[in-house]
N, C-alpha and C. Protein backbone atom coordinates (compact mmCIF):
# COMPACT_ATOMS: atom_id res chain seq x y z
N MET A 1 -20.95 43.98 3.56
CA MET A 1 -22.03 43.26 2.92
C MET A 1 -21.45 42.09 2.12
N ARG A 2 -22.23 41.02 2.04
CA ARG A 2 -21.81 39.78 1.38
C ARG A 2 -22.30 39.83 -0.08
N LEU A 3 -21.37 39.75 -1.04
CA LEU A 3 -21.73 39.94 -2.44
C LEU A 3 -21.25 38.81 -3.34
N PHE A 4 -21.95 38.64 -4.46
CA PHE A 4 -21.49 37.75 -5.51
C PHE A 4 -21.97 38.28 -6.86
N ILE A 5 -21.29 37.87 -7.92
CA ILE A 5 -21.62 38.28 -9.28
C ILE A 5 -22.18 37.06 -9.99
N ALA A 6 -23.33 37.24 -10.67
CA ALA A 6 -24.00 36.06 -11.23
C ALA A 6 -24.85 36.39 -12.45
N ILE A 7 -25.36 35.32 -13.04
CA ILE A 7 -26.35 35.38 -14.10
C ILE A 7 -27.63 34.81 -13.51
N ASP A 8 -28.71 35.56 -13.63
CA ASP A 8 -29.99 35.07 -13.12
C ASP A 8 -30.63 34.20 -14.20
N ILE A 9 -31.55 33.35 -13.78
CA ILE A 9 -32.27 32.51 -14.74
C ILE A 9 -33.75 32.90 -14.72
N PRO A 10 -34.45 32.67 -15.82
CA PRO A 10 -35.86 33.10 -15.90
C PRO A 10 -36.79 32.26 -15.00
N GLU A 11 -37.92 32.86 -14.68
CA GLU A 11 -38.90 32.21 -13.80
C GLU A 11 -39.40 30.88 -14.34
N ASP A 12 -39.61 30.77 -15.65
CA ASP A 12 -40.11 29.50 -16.18
C ASP A 12 -39.12 28.36 -15.97
N LEU A 13 -37.82 28.64 -16.03
CA LEU A 13 -36.82 27.62 -15.75
C LEU A 13 -36.81 27.29 -14.25
N LYS A 14 -36.96 28.31 -13.41
CA LYS A 14 -37.03 28.07 -11.97
C LYS A 14 -38.22 27.16 -11.64
N GLU A 15 -39.33 27.35 -12.34
CA GLU A 15 -40.51 26.50 -12.12
C GLU A 15 -40.24 25.07 -12.56
N LYS A 16 -39.58 24.88 -13.70
CA LYS A 16 -39.22 23.52 -14.16
C LYS A 16 -38.30 22.85 -13.15
N LEU A 17 -37.32 23.59 -12.65
CA LEU A 17 -36.41 23.04 -11.65
C LEU A 17 -37.14 22.71 -10.36
N SER A 18 -38.10 23.54 -10.01
CA SER A 18 -38.89 23.31 -8.80
C SER A 18 -39.66 21.99 -8.89
N ARG A 19 -40.24 21.73 -10.06
CA ARG A 19 -40.96 20.46 -10.25
C ARG A 19 -40.01 19.27 -10.16
N ALA A 20 -38.83 19.41 -10.74
CA ALA A 20 -37.83 18.33 -10.67
C ALA A 20 -37.39 18.10 -9.23
N VAL A 21 -37.13 19.18 -8.51
CA VAL A 21 -36.68 19.08 -7.12
C VAL A 21 -37.75 18.39 -6.26
N THR A 22 -39.00 18.74 -6.48
CA THR A 22 -40.09 18.10 -5.72
C THR A 22 -40.03 16.59 -5.90
N ARG A 23 -39.81 16.16 -7.12
CA ARG A 23 -39.71 14.72 -7.40
C ARG A 23 -38.47 14.11 -6.74
N LEU A 24 -37.34 14.81 -6.82
CA LEU A 24 -36.09 14.29 -6.29
C LEU A 24 -36.05 14.28 -4.76
N LYS A 25 -36.77 15.19 -4.13
CA LYS A 25 -36.80 15.24 -2.66
C LYS A 25 -37.41 13.98 -2.05
N LYS A 26 -38.16 13.23 -2.84
CA LYS A 26 -38.76 11.98 -2.33
C LYS A 26 -37.69 10.98 -1.93
N CYS A 27 -36.46 11.18 -2.37
CA CYS A 27 -35.36 10.28 -2.03
C CYS A 27 -34.87 10.45 -0.60
N ASP A 28 -35.35 11.49 0.09
CA ASP A 28 -34.97 11.73 1.48
C ASP A 28 -33.45 11.80 1.65
N LEU A 29 -32.84 12.68 0.89
CA LEU A 29 -31.40 12.87 0.95
C LEU A 29 -31.02 13.70 2.17
N ASP A 30 -29.79 13.53 2.60
CA ASP A 30 -29.24 14.38 3.65
C ASP A 30 -28.56 15.55 2.93
N ALA A 31 -29.41 16.47 2.48
CA ALA A 31 -28.92 17.57 1.64
C ALA A 31 -29.64 18.87 1.98
N LYS A 32 -28.98 19.95 1.68
CA LYS A 32 -29.58 21.29 1.79
C LYS A 32 -29.95 21.69 0.37
N TRP A 33 -31.25 21.75 0.10
CA TRP A 33 -31.73 22.11 -1.22
C TRP A 33 -31.74 23.62 -1.38
N VAL A 34 -31.31 24.09 -2.53
CA VAL A 34 -31.34 25.52 -2.83
C VAL A 34 -32.79 25.89 -3.11
N ASN A 35 -33.26 26.95 -2.49
CA ASN A 35 -34.61 27.45 -2.79
C ASN A 35 -34.62 27.79 -4.28
N THR A 36 -35.56 27.20 -5.03
CA THR A 36 -35.52 27.37 -6.49
C THR A 36 -35.64 28.83 -6.92
N SER A 37 -36.22 29.67 -6.10
CA SER A 37 -36.29 31.10 -6.46
C SER A 37 -34.90 31.75 -6.38
N ASN A 38 -33.95 31.09 -5.71
CA ASN A 38 -32.59 31.62 -5.57
C ASN A 38 -31.60 31.02 -6.56
N ILE A 39 -32.01 30.08 -7.39
CA ILE A 39 -31.06 29.43 -8.28
C ILE A 39 -30.55 30.43 -9.32
N HIS A 40 -29.23 30.44 -9.49
CA HIS A 40 -28.55 31.36 -10.39
C HIS A 40 -27.23 30.72 -10.80
N MET A 41 -26.50 31.36 -11.71
CA MET A 41 -25.16 30.89 -12.06
C MET A 41 -24.15 31.88 -11.53
N THR A 42 -23.38 31.47 -10.54
CA THR A 42 -22.37 32.33 -9.95
C THR A 42 -21.17 32.44 -10.89
N LEU A 43 -20.79 33.68 -11.18
CA LEU A 43 -19.59 33.94 -11.97
C LEU A 43 -18.39 34.19 -11.06
N LYS A 44 -18.65 34.84 -9.91
CA LYS A 44 -17.59 35.11 -8.94
C LYS A 44 -18.21 35.42 -7.59
N PHE A 45 -17.82 34.65 -6.56
CA PHE A 45 -18.26 34.94 -5.20
C PHE A 45 -17.23 35.89 -4.59
N LEU A 46 -17.71 37.01 -4.05
CA LEU A 46 -16.82 38.02 -3.50
C LEU A 46 -16.69 37.93 -1.98
N GLY A 47 -17.75 37.49 -1.30
CA GLY A 47 -17.73 37.45 0.15
C GLY A 47 -18.00 38.84 0.73
N GLU A 48 -17.43 39.09 1.90
CA GLU A 48 -17.64 40.38 2.57
C GLU A 48 -16.91 41.49 1.83
N VAL A 49 -17.65 42.55 1.52
CA VAL A 49 -17.12 43.67 0.75
C VAL A 49 -17.45 44.97 1.46
N SER A 50 -16.49 45.88 1.49
CA SER A 50 -16.73 47.18 2.13
C SER A 50 -17.48 48.09 1.17
N GLU A 51 -18.19 49.04 1.73
CA GLU A 51 -18.95 50.02 0.95
C GLU A 51 -18.03 50.79 0.00
N GLU A 52 -16.79 51.04 0.44
CA GLU A 52 -15.84 51.80 -0.36
C GLU A 52 -15.49 51.10 -1.67
N GLN A 53 -15.56 49.77 -1.71
CA GLN A 53 -15.19 49.02 -2.91
C GLN A 53 -16.33 48.90 -3.92
N LEU A 54 -17.53 49.23 -3.52
CA LEU A 54 -18.71 48.99 -4.33
C LEU A 54 -18.65 49.62 -5.73
N ASP A 55 -18.30 50.89 -5.81
CA ASP A 55 -18.27 51.56 -7.12
C ASP A 55 -17.22 50.95 -8.05
N LYS A 56 -16.05 50.57 -7.49
CA LYS A 56 -15.00 49.94 -8.30
C LYS A 56 -15.49 48.59 -8.83
N ILE A 57 -16.18 47.83 -8.00
CA ILE A 57 -16.71 46.52 -8.42
C ILE A 57 -17.75 46.71 -9.52
N LYS A 58 -18.64 47.67 -9.35
CA LYS A 58 -19.65 47.95 -10.38
C LYS A 58 -19.00 48.32 -11.71
N ASN A 59 -17.94 49.14 -11.66
CA ASN A 59 -17.24 49.53 -12.88
C ASN A 59 -16.59 48.33 -13.57
N ILE A 60 -16.03 47.43 -12.78
CA ILE A 60 -15.42 46.22 -13.34
C ILE A 60 -16.49 45.35 -14.01
N ILE A 61 -17.64 45.20 -13.37
CA ILE A 61 -18.73 44.41 -13.95
C ILE A 61 -19.21 45.05 -15.25
N LYS A 62 -19.38 46.37 -15.23
CA LYS A 62 -19.86 47.10 -16.42
C LYS A 62 -18.87 46.95 -17.57
N THR A 63 -17.58 47.13 -17.31
CA THR A 63 -16.55 47.01 -18.33
C THR A 63 -16.52 45.59 -18.90
N THR A 64 -16.54 44.61 -18.01
CA THR A 64 -16.51 43.20 -18.45
C THR A 64 -17.74 42.88 -19.29
N ALA A 65 -18.90 43.27 -18.84
CA ALA A 65 -20.14 42.99 -19.58
C ALA A 65 -20.07 43.60 -20.98
N GLY A 66 -19.46 44.77 -21.09
CA GLY A 66 -19.34 45.44 -22.38
C GLY A 66 -18.44 44.72 -23.37
N ASN A 67 -17.65 43.77 -22.88
CA ASN A 67 -16.74 43.00 -23.73
C ASN A 67 -17.37 41.75 -24.32
N PHE A 68 -18.59 41.44 -23.92
CA PHE A 68 -19.24 40.20 -24.35
C PHE A 68 -20.62 40.47 -24.93
N SER A 69 -21.01 39.63 -25.87
CA SER A 69 -22.33 39.72 -26.48
C SER A 69 -23.34 38.91 -25.69
N GLN A 70 -24.61 39.28 -25.85
CA GLN A 70 -25.67 38.48 -25.25
C GLN A 70 -25.57 37.06 -25.82
N LEU A 71 -25.99 36.10 -25.03
CA LEU A 71 -25.92 34.73 -25.48
C LEU A 71 -27.13 33.93 -25.02
N GLU A 72 -27.26 32.77 -25.60
CA GLU A 72 -28.36 31.88 -25.22
C GLU A 72 -27.75 30.63 -24.62
N LEU A 73 -28.34 30.17 -23.53
CA LEU A 73 -27.85 28.96 -22.85
C LEU A 73 -28.91 27.88 -22.91
N ASN A 74 -28.46 26.67 -23.12
CA ASN A 74 -29.31 25.49 -23.02
C ASN A 74 -28.94 24.78 -21.73
N VAL A 75 -29.96 24.35 -21.01
CA VAL A 75 -29.72 23.59 -19.79
C VAL A 75 -29.29 22.19 -20.21
N GLY A 76 -28.30 21.65 -19.52
CA GLY A 76 -27.74 20.35 -19.89
C GLY A 76 -28.22 19.22 -19.00
N SER A 77 -27.27 18.52 -18.43
CA SER A 77 -27.60 17.33 -17.65
C SER A 77 -27.27 17.55 -16.18
N PHE A 78 -27.80 16.66 -15.35
CA PHE A 78 -27.51 16.70 -13.92
C PHE A 78 -26.10 16.16 -13.68
N GLY A 79 -25.48 16.65 -12.61
CA GLY A 79 -24.14 16.16 -12.28
C GLY A 79 -23.80 16.43 -10.83
N PHE A 80 -22.57 16.03 -10.46
CA PHE A 80 -22.10 16.15 -9.08
C PHE A 80 -20.70 16.75 -9.05
N PHE A 81 -20.44 17.59 -8.05
CA PHE A 81 -19.09 18.05 -7.76
C PHE A 81 -18.67 17.41 -6.45
N PRO A 82 -17.44 16.99 -6.25
CA PRO A 82 -16.42 16.96 -7.28
C PRO A 82 -16.63 15.82 -8.28
N ASN A 83 -17.36 14.76 -7.87
CA ASN A 83 -17.66 13.66 -8.78
C ASN A 83 -18.82 12.82 -8.21
N GLU A 84 -19.23 11.82 -8.97
CA GLU A 84 -20.40 11.02 -8.59
C GLU A 84 -20.13 10.12 -7.37
N THR A 85 -18.88 9.71 -7.16
CA THR A 85 -18.59 8.82 -6.03
C THR A 85 -18.42 9.57 -4.71
N SER A 86 -18.02 10.83 -4.78
CA SER A 86 -17.89 11.65 -3.57
C SER A 86 -18.68 12.94 -3.74
N PRO A 87 -19.99 12.84 -3.93
CA PRO A 87 -20.76 14.05 -4.24
C PRO A 87 -20.90 15.01 -3.06
N ARG A 88 -20.63 16.28 -3.34
CA ARG A 88 -20.89 17.33 -2.35
C ARG A 88 -21.92 18.32 -2.85
N VAL A 89 -21.94 18.51 -4.19
CA VAL A 89 -22.87 19.45 -4.80
C VAL A 89 -23.61 18.74 -5.94
N PHE A 90 -24.91 18.96 -6.00
CA PHE A 90 -25.76 18.43 -7.07
C PHE A 90 -26.14 19.62 -7.94
N PHE A 91 -25.94 19.49 -9.27
CA PHE A 91 -26.16 20.64 -10.15
C PHE A 91 -26.77 20.19 -11.47
N ILE A 92 -27.15 21.20 -12.27
CA ILE A 92 -27.51 20.98 -13.66
C ILE A 92 -26.60 21.89 -14.48
N SER A 93 -26.03 21.33 -15.55
CA SER A 93 -25.05 22.08 -16.34
C SER A 93 -25.73 22.91 -17.42
N THR A 94 -24.94 23.77 -18.06
CA THR A 94 -25.40 24.53 -19.22
C THR A 94 -24.32 24.42 -20.30
N ASP A 95 -24.68 24.83 -21.50
CA ASP A 95 -23.69 24.87 -22.58
C ASP A 95 -23.00 26.24 -22.58
N ASN A 96 -22.27 26.52 -23.64
CA ASN A 96 -21.50 27.77 -23.77
C ASN A 96 -20.49 27.97 -22.64
N GLU A 97 -19.93 26.86 -22.20
CA GLU A 97 -18.95 26.85 -21.11
C GLU A 97 -17.79 27.82 -21.35
N GLU A 98 -17.24 27.82 -22.57
CA GLU A 98 -16.05 28.64 -22.85
C GLU A 98 -16.34 30.13 -22.72
N ILE A 99 -17.46 30.58 -23.25
CA ILE A 99 -17.80 32.01 -23.16
C ILE A 99 -18.00 32.40 -21.70
N LEU A 100 -18.75 31.60 -20.97
CA LEU A 100 -19.00 31.89 -19.56
C LEU A 100 -17.71 31.87 -18.74
N LYS A 101 -16.83 30.92 -19.07
CA LYS A 101 -15.54 30.84 -18.38
C LYS A 101 -14.72 32.11 -18.66
N ASN A 102 -14.76 32.59 -19.91
CA ASN A 102 -14.03 33.81 -20.26
C ASN A 102 -14.57 35.03 -19.50
N ILE A 103 -15.89 35.10 -19.35
CA ILE A 103 -16.49 36.20 -18.57
C ILE A 103 -15.98 36.12 -17.13
N SER A 104 -16.05 34.93 -16.55
CA SER A 104 -15.60 34.73 -15.17
C SER A 104 -14.12 35.08 -15.00
N LEU A 105 -13.29 34.64 -15.94
CA LEU A 105 -11.85 34.91 -15.85
C LEU A 105 -11.55 36.41 -15.97
N GLN A 106 -12.27 37.10 -16.86
CA GLN A 106 -12.07 38.55 -16.99
C GLN A 106 -12.44 39.25 -15.69
N LEU A 107 -13.57 38.84 -15.10
CA LEU A 107 -13.97 39.42 -13.82
C LEU A 107 -12.88 39.17 -12.77
N GLU A 108 -12.40 37.94 -12.70
CA GLU A 108 -11.38 37.59 -11.70
C GLU A 108 -10.09 38.39 -11.92
N ASP A 109 -9.67 38.51 -13.19
CA ASP A 109 -8.44 39.28 -13.48
C ASP A 109 -8.55 40.71 -12.98
N LYS A 110 -9.68 41.35 -13.24
CA LYS A 110 -9.86 42.75 -12.86
C LYS A 110 -10.10 42.91 -11.36
N LEU A 111 -10.79 41.95 -10.76
CA LEU A 111 -11.10 42.05 -9.32
C LEU A 111 -9.88 41.75 -8.46
N GLU A 112 -8.91 41.06 -9.03
CA GLU A 112 -7.69 40.75 -8.27
C GLU A 112 -7.00 42.02 -7.79
N SER A 113 -7.08 43.09 -8.58
CA SER A 113 -6.46 44.37 -8.19
C SER A 113 -7.13 44.98 -6.96
N LEU A 114 -8.35 44.53 -6.66
CA LEU A 114 -9.07 45.01 -5.46
C LEU A 114 -8.87 44.07 -4.27
N GLY A 115 -8.05 43.03 -4.47
CA GLY A 115 -7.76 42.12 -3.36
C GLY A 115 -8.60 40.84 -3.34
N PHE A 116 -9.38 40.60 -4.38
CA PHE A 116 -10.17 39.37 -4.43
C PHE A 116 -9.33 38.29 -5.09
N PRO A 117 -9.11 37.17 -4.41
CA PRO A 117 -8.23 36.14 -4.96
C PRO A 117 -8.80 35.50 -6.22
N LYS A 118 -7.88 35.17 -7.13
CA LYS A 118 -8.23 34.47 -8.37
C LYS A 118 -8.41 33.00 -8.04
N GLU A 119 -9.48 32.40 -8.57
CA GLU A 119 -9.69 30.97 -8.34
C GLU A 119 -9.50 30.18 -9.62
N GLY A 120 -9.96 30.73 -10.75
CA GLY A 120 -9.76 30.07 -12.03
C GLY A 120 -10.37 28.70 -12.15
N ARG A 121 -11.46 28.45 -11.43
CA ARG A 121 -12.05 27.10 -11.47
C ARG A 121 -13.53 27.13 -11.88
N PHE A 122 -13.90 28.11 -12.66
CA PHE A 122 -15.30 28.25 -13.07
C PHE A 122 -15.77 27.05 -13.88
N LYS A 123 -16.97 26.59 -13.59
CA LYS A 123 -17.66 25.54 -14.36
C LYS A 123 -19.11 25.96 -14.44
N SER A 124 -19.64 26.07 -15.67
CA SER A 124 -21.02 26.56 -15.80
C SER A 124 -21.99 25.54 -15.23
N HIS A 125 -22.76 25.98 -14.25
CA HIS A 125 -23.73 25.09 -13.61
C HIS A 125 -24.71 25.90 -12.76
N LEU A 126 -25.82 25.26 -12.43
CA LEU A 126 -26.82 25.81 -11.52
C LEU A 126 -26.88 24.85 -10.33
N THR A 127 -26.47 25.30 -9.16
CA THR A 127 -26.48 24.43 -7.98
C THR A 127 -27.91 24.19 -7.53
N ILE A 128 -28.23 22.92 -7.29
CA ILE A 128 -29.57 22.52 -6.87
C ILE A 128 -29.57 22.11 -5.40
N ALA A 129 -28.50 21.43 -4.96
CA ALA A 129 -28.42 20.97 -3.57
C ALA A 129 -26.97 20.77 -3.17
N ARG A 130 -26.74 20.80 -1.85
CA ARG A 130 -25.42 20.50 -1.27
C ARG A 130 -25.63 19.35 -0.29
N PHE A 131 -24.80 18.32 -0.44
CA PHE A 131 -24.95 17.12 0.39
C PHE A 131 -24.19 17.23 1.71
N ARG A 132 -24.83 16.75 2.77
CA ARG A 132 -24.14 16.62 4.06
C ARG A 132 -23.51 15.23 4.14
N THR A 133 -24.27 14.22 3.70
CA THR A 133 -23.78 12.83 3.65
C THR A 133 -24.29 12.21 2.35
N LYS A 134 -23.91 10.94 2.11
CA LYS A 134 -24.34 10.26 0.89
C LYS A 134 -25.61 9.43 1.11
N ARG A 135 -26.33 9.68 2.19
CA ARG A 135 -27.55 8.92 2.47
C ARG A 135 -28.51 8.98 1.28
N ASN A 136 -28.97 7.83 0.83
CA ASN A 136 -29.95 7.67 -0.25
C ASN A 136 -29.50 8.26 -1.59
N ILE A 137 -28.20 8.41 -1.79
CA ILE A 137 -27.70 8.98 -3.03
C ILE A 137 -28.03 8.09 -4.22
N ASP A 138 -28.11 6.77 -3.99
CA ASP A 138 -28.45 5.85 -5.10
C ASP A 138 -29.87 6.08 -5.58
N CYS A 139 -30.77 6.43 -4.68
CA CYS A 139 -32.15 6.77 -5.06
C CYS A 139 -32.12 7.98 -6.00
N LEU A 140 -31.34 8.99 -5.66
CA LEU A 140 -31.23 10.18 -6.49
C LEU A 140 -30.69 9.83 -7.87
N LYS A 141 -29.65 9.02 -7.91
CA LYS A 141 -29.05 8.63 -9.20
C LYS A 141 -30.07 7.90 -10.07
N ASN A 142 -30.89 7.05 -9.46
CA ASN A 142 -31.92 6.33 -10.22
C ASN A 142 -32.99 7.28 -10.73
N GLU A 143 -33.42 8.22 -9.91
CA GLU A 143 -34.45 9.19 -10.31
C GLU A 143 -33.95 10.08 -11.45
N MET A 144 -32.68 10.43 -11.39
CA MET A 144 -32.07 11.31 -12.40
C MET A 144 -32.05 10.67 -13.78
N LYS A 145 -31.90 9.36 -13.82
CA LYS A 145 -31.71 8.66 -15.10
C LYS A 145 -32.81 8.99 -16.11
N GLY A 146 -34.05 8.99 -15.68
CA GLY A 146 -35.12 9.25 -16.63
C GLY A 146 -35.56 10.69 -16.69
N MET A 147 -34.80 11.57 -16.08
CA MET A 147 -35.24 12.96 -15.95
C MET A 147 -34.39 13.90 -16.81
N THR A 148 -35.06 14.69 -17.64
CA THR A 148 -34.36 15.74 -18.38
C THR A 148 -35.15 17.03 -18.23
N ILE A 149 -34.45 18.11 -18.31
CA ILE A 149 -35.10 19.42 -18.28
C ILE A 149 -34.73 20.12 -19.59
N GLU A 150 -35.73 20.29 -20.42
CA GLU A 150 -35.53 20.99 -21.69
C GLU A 150 -35.76 22.47 -21.45
N ALA A 151 -34.71 23.25 -21.58
CA ALA A 151 -34.86 24.69 -21.38
C ALA A 151 -33.72 25.44 -22.05
N LYS A 152 -34.05 26.60 -22.56
CA LYS A 152 -33.07 27.48 -23.17
C LYS A 152 -33.44 28.89 -22.71
N PHE A 153 -32.44 29.69 -22.43
CA PHE A 153 -32.74 31.05 -21.98
C PHE A 153 -31.67 32.03 -22.44
N ALA A 154 -32.09 33.28 -22.59
CA ALA A 154 -31.19 34.34 -23.02
C ALA A 154 -30.48 34.94 -21.82
N VAL A 155 -29.21 35.24 -22.02
CA VAL A 155 -28.42 35.94 -21.00
C VAL A 155 -28.10 37.31 -21.56
N SER A 156 -28.64 38.35 -20.91
CA SER A 156 -28.46 39.71 -21.43
C SER A 156 -27.76 40.64 -20.44
N GLU A 157 -27.47 40.13 -19.22
CA GLU A 157 -26.83 41.00 -18.23
C GLU A 157 -26.06 40.20 -17.19
N ILE A 158 -25.13 40.90 -16.56
CA ILE A 158 -24.39 40.37 -15.41
C ILE A 158 -24.88 41.15 -14.20
N ILE A 159 -25.14 40.43 -13.10
CA ILE A 159 -25.76 41.05 -11.94
C ILE A 159 -24.87 40.94 -10.70
N LEU A 160 -24.82 42.02 -9.95
CA LEU A 160 -24.17 42.02 -8.64
C LEU A 160 -25.27 41.83 -7.61
N PHE A 161 -25.17 40.74 -6.85
CA PHE A 161 -26.16 40.42 -5.83
C PHE A 161 -25.60 40.63 -4.43
N LYS A 162 -26.48 41.05 -3.56
CA LYS A 162 -26.18 41.10 -2.13
C LYS A 162 -26.87 39.89 -1.51
N SER A 163 -26.19 39.19 -0.63
CA SER A 163 -26.73 38.00 0.01
C SER A 163 -26.91 38.26 1.50
N LEU A 164 -28.15 38.20 1.95
CA LEU A 164 -28.44 38.34 3.38
C LEU A 164 -28.71 36.96 3.93
N LEU A 165 -27.90 36.53 4.90
CA LEU A 165 -28.09 35.21 5.48
C LEU A 165 -29.11 35.29 6.60
N LYS A 166 -30.17 34.50 6.44
CA LYS A 166 -31.25 34.46 7.44
C LYS A 166 -31.42 33.02 7.91
N PRO A 167 -32.04 32.80 9.07
CA PRO A 167 -32.25 31.43 9.55
C PRO A 167 -33.05 30.57 8.56
N THR A 168 -33.90 31.20 7.77
CA THR A 168 -34.71 30.47 6.79
C THR A 168 -33.97 30.24 5.48
N GLY A 169 -32.77 30.78 5.36
CA GLY A 169 -31.97 30.65 4.15
C GLY A 169 -31.60 32.02 3.61
N PRO A 170 -30.71 32.05 2.62
CA PRO A 170 -30.27 33.35 2.10
C PRO A 170 -31.36 34.07 1.31
N VAL A 171 -31.30 35.39 1.38
CA VAL A 171 -32.18 36.25 0.58
C VAL A 171 -31.26 37.08 -0.31
N TYR A 172 -31.54 37.04 -1.62
CA TYR A 172 -30.69 37.75 -2.58
C TYR A 172 -31.37 39.01 -3.06
N GLU A 173 -30.57 40.07 -3.14
CA GLU A 173 -31.07 41.36 -3.61
C GLU A 173 -30.16 41.84 -4.74
N LYS A 174 -30.76 42.22 -5.87
CA LYS A 174 -29.98 42.74 -6.99
C LYS A 174 -29.53 44.16 -6.66
N LEU A 175 -28.21 44.37 -6.66
CA LEU A 175 -27.66 45.70 -6.37
C LEU A 175 -27.33 46.46 -7.64
N PHE A 176 -26.94 45.72 -8.70
CA PHE A 176 -26.47 46.38 -9.91
C PHE A 176 -26.57 45.39 -11.08
N CYS A 177 -26.99 45.88 -12.24
CA CYS A 177 -27.06 45.06 -13.45
C CYS A 177 -26.29 45.76 -14.57
N ALA A 178 -25.45 45.00 -15.25
CA ALA A 178 -24.69 45.54 -16.38
C ALA A 178 -25.06 44.76 -17.63
N PRO A 179 -25.54 45.45 -18.67
CA PRO A 179 -25.97 44.74 -19.88
C PRO A 179 -24.80 44.23 -20.71
N LEU A 180 -24.98 43.04 -21.27
CA LEU A 180 -24.05 42.51 -22.27
C LEU A 180 -24.35 43.24 -23.58
N GLN A 181 -23.42 43.18 -24.53
CA GLN A 181 -23.63 43.84 -25.81
C GLN A 181 -24.81 43.22 -26.56
N GLY A 182 -25.64 44.05 -27.18
CA GLY A 182 -26.85 43.59 -27.87
C GLY A 182 -26.60 42.77 -29.10
C-alpha cells in the first residue's frame, strides 16, 4: 500500500483555497491542479509499504506526536519550487517552519531504521498545482499579486494516509491518527 504521513487542513481553508484555485485556473496553465479536498501538508512520503511494517510505522508516528505540542499555523504566501524562474510546484506556505521541520526530521530519523531514506528537505507548504510546462505562468504571477488567503488553523494530530491512485486522481484514506500533546 502507498502511504504518507501528513497534517490535514480544515474544510474552511480548503474552501478558501478552492475559490482561489477557481480564479487562478482562468490562466489556462499547463498544470495538474491538486483536488482541494486532498490538500494537506506532507511530513514524510513513504511510498509502497508492506503490511508487516504498518504497526512499527504507527508506533513511530505516535511516539513522535507525543514529543510535540499542538500548534496553530497561519497560511502565508504563494510560491514556487524550486523557484519562480523554473517553477515545477505551486504552493502556499505556512508559518512555524522550525517546529514542523523538527517533527518531520524526528519522523525521518526513526523511520530510517525501517529502511525509509532520510531526505532532510522539509519545507512547510500546501501544494496547489504541479506544472508540466511554463505556459501562461506570467498570467498566474499577475493573478497572485493581488491575492491573499487569510487563514489560521490548529494542528492537533499527525495522520498516516493511504493513497489509492485512480484515473480520476488520488483518493486519500486516513489509516491512523496520533494526537499531539494538548
